[in-house]
């Protein structure tokens, strides 16, 4: 009876004979499902907030409807700040995860 090698116990099994790159990509996706989708959503919402912020900043600069434009501008700035925070949090988690590319 052959003795198990210590490397065999620590190495992950590749049951479907996938290439090493494919296997690593699939295991990274299992560790953090939908990460690229979340990052895309953060970027899209951040870009939308930035465009809205520019529009409301233009309204404030022109002096039109300052009473309603100022809270809306603050909301857009908050959205952009939240999306930047979430995107950076996601990037840090990706860099800490093993086998991330």
Protein backbone atom coordinates (compact mmCIF):
# COMPACT_ATOMS: atom_id res chain seq x y z
CA UNK A 1 0.00 0.00 0.00
CA UNK A 2 1.61 3.32 -1.05
CA UNK A 3 2.01 5.99 1.57
CA UNK A 4 0.32 9.31 0.83
CA UNK A 5 2.70 12.08 -0.01
CA UNK A 6 2.44 15.20 2.14
CA UNK A 7 2.13 17.30 -1.03
CA UNK A 8 -0.93 15.31 -2.10
CA UNK A 9 -2.82 16.23 1.06
CA UNK A 10 -2.24 19.96 0.73
CA UNK A 11 -2.70 20.26 -3.04
CA UNK A 12 -6.30 20.78 -4.17
CA UNK A 13 -7.81 18.07 -6.32
CA UNK A 14 -8.53 18.76 -9.97
CA UNK A 15 -11.38 16.32 -10.72
CA UNK A 16 -12.17 17.31 -14.31
CA UNK A 17 -8.64 17.59 -15.66
CA UNK A 18 -8.94 21.33 -16.19
CA UNK A 19 -5.94 23.44 -17.00
CA UNK A 20 -4.27 25.02 -13.99
CA UNK A 21 -5.43 28.51 -14.98
CA UNK A 22 -9.04 27.41 -15.41
CA UNK A 23 -8.99 25.60 -12.09
CA UNK A 24 -7.53 28.59 -10.23
CA UNK A 25 -10.08 30.93 -11.81
CA UNK A 26 -12.95 28.64 -10.77
CA UNK A 27 -11.68 28.29 -7.20
CA UNK A 28 -11.30 32.09 -6.94
CA UNK A 29 -14.88 32.46 -8.21
CA UNK A 30 -16.05 29.99 -5.56
CA UNK A 31 -14.32 32.03 -2.86
CA UNK A 32 -15.95 35.29 -4.00
CA UNK A 33 -18.90 34.75 -6.32
CA UNK A 34 -20.00 37.61 -8.58
CA UNK A 35 -17.02 39.83 -7.67
CA UNK A 36 -16.64 41.20 -11.23
CA UNK A 37 -20.37 41.92 -11.38
CA UNK A 38 -20.26 43.79 -8.07
CA UNK A 39 -17.26 45.82 -9.24
CA UNK A 40 -19.07 46.73 -12.46
CA UNK A 41 -22.13 47.83 -10.48
CA UNK A 42 -19.94 49.97 -8.20
CA UNK A 43 -18.34 51.63 -11.22
CA UNK A 44 -21.67 52.20 -12.99
CA UNK A 45 -23.34 53.70 -9.90
CA UNK A 46 -20.26 55.82 -9.19
CA UNK A 47 -20.25 57.16 -12.75
CA UNK A 48 -23.97 57.92 -12.52
CA UNK A 49 -23.45 59.75 -9.24
CA UNK A 50 -20.59 61.72 -10.76
CA UNK A 51 -22.71 62.83 -13.73
CA UNK A 52 -25.56 63.78 -11.39
CA UNK A 53 -23.13 65.69 -9.20
CA UNK A 54 -21.88 67.67 -12.19
CA UNK A 55 -25.45 68.52 -13.18
CA UNK A 56 -26.40 69.70 -9.70
CA UNK A 57 -23.12 71.57 -9.31
CA UNK A 58 -23.94 73.42 -12.53
CA UNK A 59 -27.37 74.32 -11.12
CA UNK A 60 -25.77 75.60 -7.93
CA UNK A 61 -23.16 77.59 -9.89
CA UNK A 62 -25.86 79.18 -12.02
CA UNK A 63 -27.86 80.16 -8.96
CA UNK A 64 -31.00 78.30 -10.01
CA UNK A 65 -33.07 76.38 -7.48
CA UNK A 66 -30.30 76.30 -4.89
CA UNK A 67 -32.71 75.11 -2.20
CA UNK A 68 -33.40 71.85 -4.01
CA UNK A 69 -30.10 71.49 -5.85
CA UNK A 70 -27.88 71.58 -2.77
CA UNK A 71 -29.36 68.50 -1.02
CA UNK A 72 -29.39 66.63 -4.32
CA UNK A 73 -25.75 67.53 -4.91
CA UNK A 74 -24.87 66.29 -1.41
CA UNK A 75 -26.69 63.03 -2.14
CA UNK A 76 -24.74 62.55 -5.39
CA UNK A 77 -21.45 63.20 -3.58
CA UNK A 78 -22.47 60.63 -0.97
CA UNK A 79 -23.27 58.06 -3.65
CA UNK A 80 -19.88 58.58 -5.31
CA UNK A 81 -18.09 58.34 -1.95
CA UNK A 82 -19.96 55.14 -1.06
CA UNK A 83 -19.16 53.53 -4.41
CA UNK A 84 -15.47 54.44 -4.10
CA UNK A 85 -15.41 52.95 -0.59
CA UNK A 86 -17.13 49.73 -1.69
CA UNK A 87 -14.91 49.36 -4.75
CA UNK A 88 -11.75 49.80 -2.66
CA UNK A 89 -13.07 47.33 -0.10
CA UNK A 90 -13.64 44.82 -2.89
CA UNK A 91 -10.14 45.43 -4.27
CA UNK A 92 -8.56 44.85 -0.83
CA UNK A 93 -10.53 41.62 -0.41
CA UNK A 94 -9.40 40.47 -3.85
CA UNK A 95 -5.75 41.18 -3.11
CA UNK A 96 -5.96 39.29 0.22
CA UNK A 97 -7.64 36.24 -1.26
CA UNK A 98 -5.35 33.40 -2.25
CA UNK A 99 -4.95 32.58 -5.91
CA UNK A 100 -6.27 35.96 -7.04
CA UNK A 101 -5.02 37.45 -10.27
